[in-house]
Protein backbone atom coordinates (compact mmCIF):
# COMPACT_ATOMS: atom_id res chain seq x y z
CA UNK A 1 -300.05 163.77 -67.27
CA UNK A 2 -296.96 161.72 -66.49
CA UNK A 3 -298.65 158.63 -67.92
CA UNK A 4 -299.11 160.42 -71.23
CA UNK A 5 -295.44 161.41 -71.28
CA UNK A 6 -294.34 157.88 -70.43
CA UNK A 7 -296.42 156.40 -73.24
CA UNK A 8 -295.11 159.08 -75.59
CA UNK A 9 -291.48 158.35 -74.69
CA UNK A 10 -291.99 154.59 -75.02
CA UNK A 11 -293.31 155.10 -78.55
CA UNK A 12 -290.54 157.60 -79.32
CA UNK A 13 -287.94 155.16 -77.95
CA UNK A 14 -289.24 152.39 -80.17
CA UNK A 15 -289.16 154.60 -83.25
CA UNK A 16 -285.71 155.94 -82.39
CA UNK A 17 -284.35 152.43 -81.81
CA UNK A 18 -285.18 151.59 -85.41
CA UNK A 19 -282.67 154.20 -86.61
CA UNK A 20 -280.14 154.65 -83.78
CA UNK A 21 -278.42 152.10 -81.55
CA UNK A 22 -279.65 152.22 -77.94
CA UNK A 23 -276.11 152.53 -76.58
CA UNK A 24 -275.31 155.55 -78.75
CA UNK A 25 -274.38 158.66 -76.79
CA UNK A 26 -277.03 160.80 -78.45
CA UNK A 27 -279.91 158.32 -78.16
CA UNK A 28 -281.80 160.33 -75.52
CA UNK A 29 -281.44 163.54 -77.52
CA UNK A 30 -282.82 161.92 -80.65
CA UNK A 31 -285.56 160.24 -78.61
CA UNK A 32 -286.62 163.62 -77.24
CA UNK A 33 -286.62 165.08 -80.75
CA UNK A 34 -288.81 162.22 -81.99
CA UNK A 35 -291.15 162.75 -79.01
CA UNK A 36 -291.49 166.44 -79.92
CA UNK A 37 -292.23 165.48 -83.52
CA UNK A 38 -294.89 163.03 -82.33
CA UNK A 39 -296.55 165.71 -80.18
CA UNK A 40 -296.47 168.12 -83.11
CA UNK A 41 -298.00 165.50 -85.40
CA UNK A 42 -300.74 164.64 -82.90
CA UNK A 43 -301.64 168.30 -82.34
CA UNK A 44 -301.58 168.96 -86.09
CA UNK A 45 -303.78 165.98 -86.85
CA UNK A 46 -306.20 167.06 -84.13
CA UNK A 47 -306.32 170.55 -85.58
CA UNK A 48 -306.96 169.33 -89.10
CA UNK A 49 -309.53 166.82 -87.86
CA UNK A 50 -311.53 169.49 -86.05
CA UNK A 51 -311.28 171.76 -89.11
CA UNK A 52 -312.57 168.93 -91.32
CA UNK A 53 -315.53 168.22 -89.04
CA UNK A 54 -316.70 171.87 -89.15
CA UNK A 55 -317.09 171.94 -92.93
């Protein structure tokens, strides 16, 4: 489980670094927000994918 979170935060850090400087005070907060958005997107895509396969 920790490996999944590490990969998720690496991806979120890369995306966040495109928009916010790494030495900004709120970088970790924005990185966490981006990680939550990624989890939401992955779960949503999985939900829609399983719904599409049933029809």
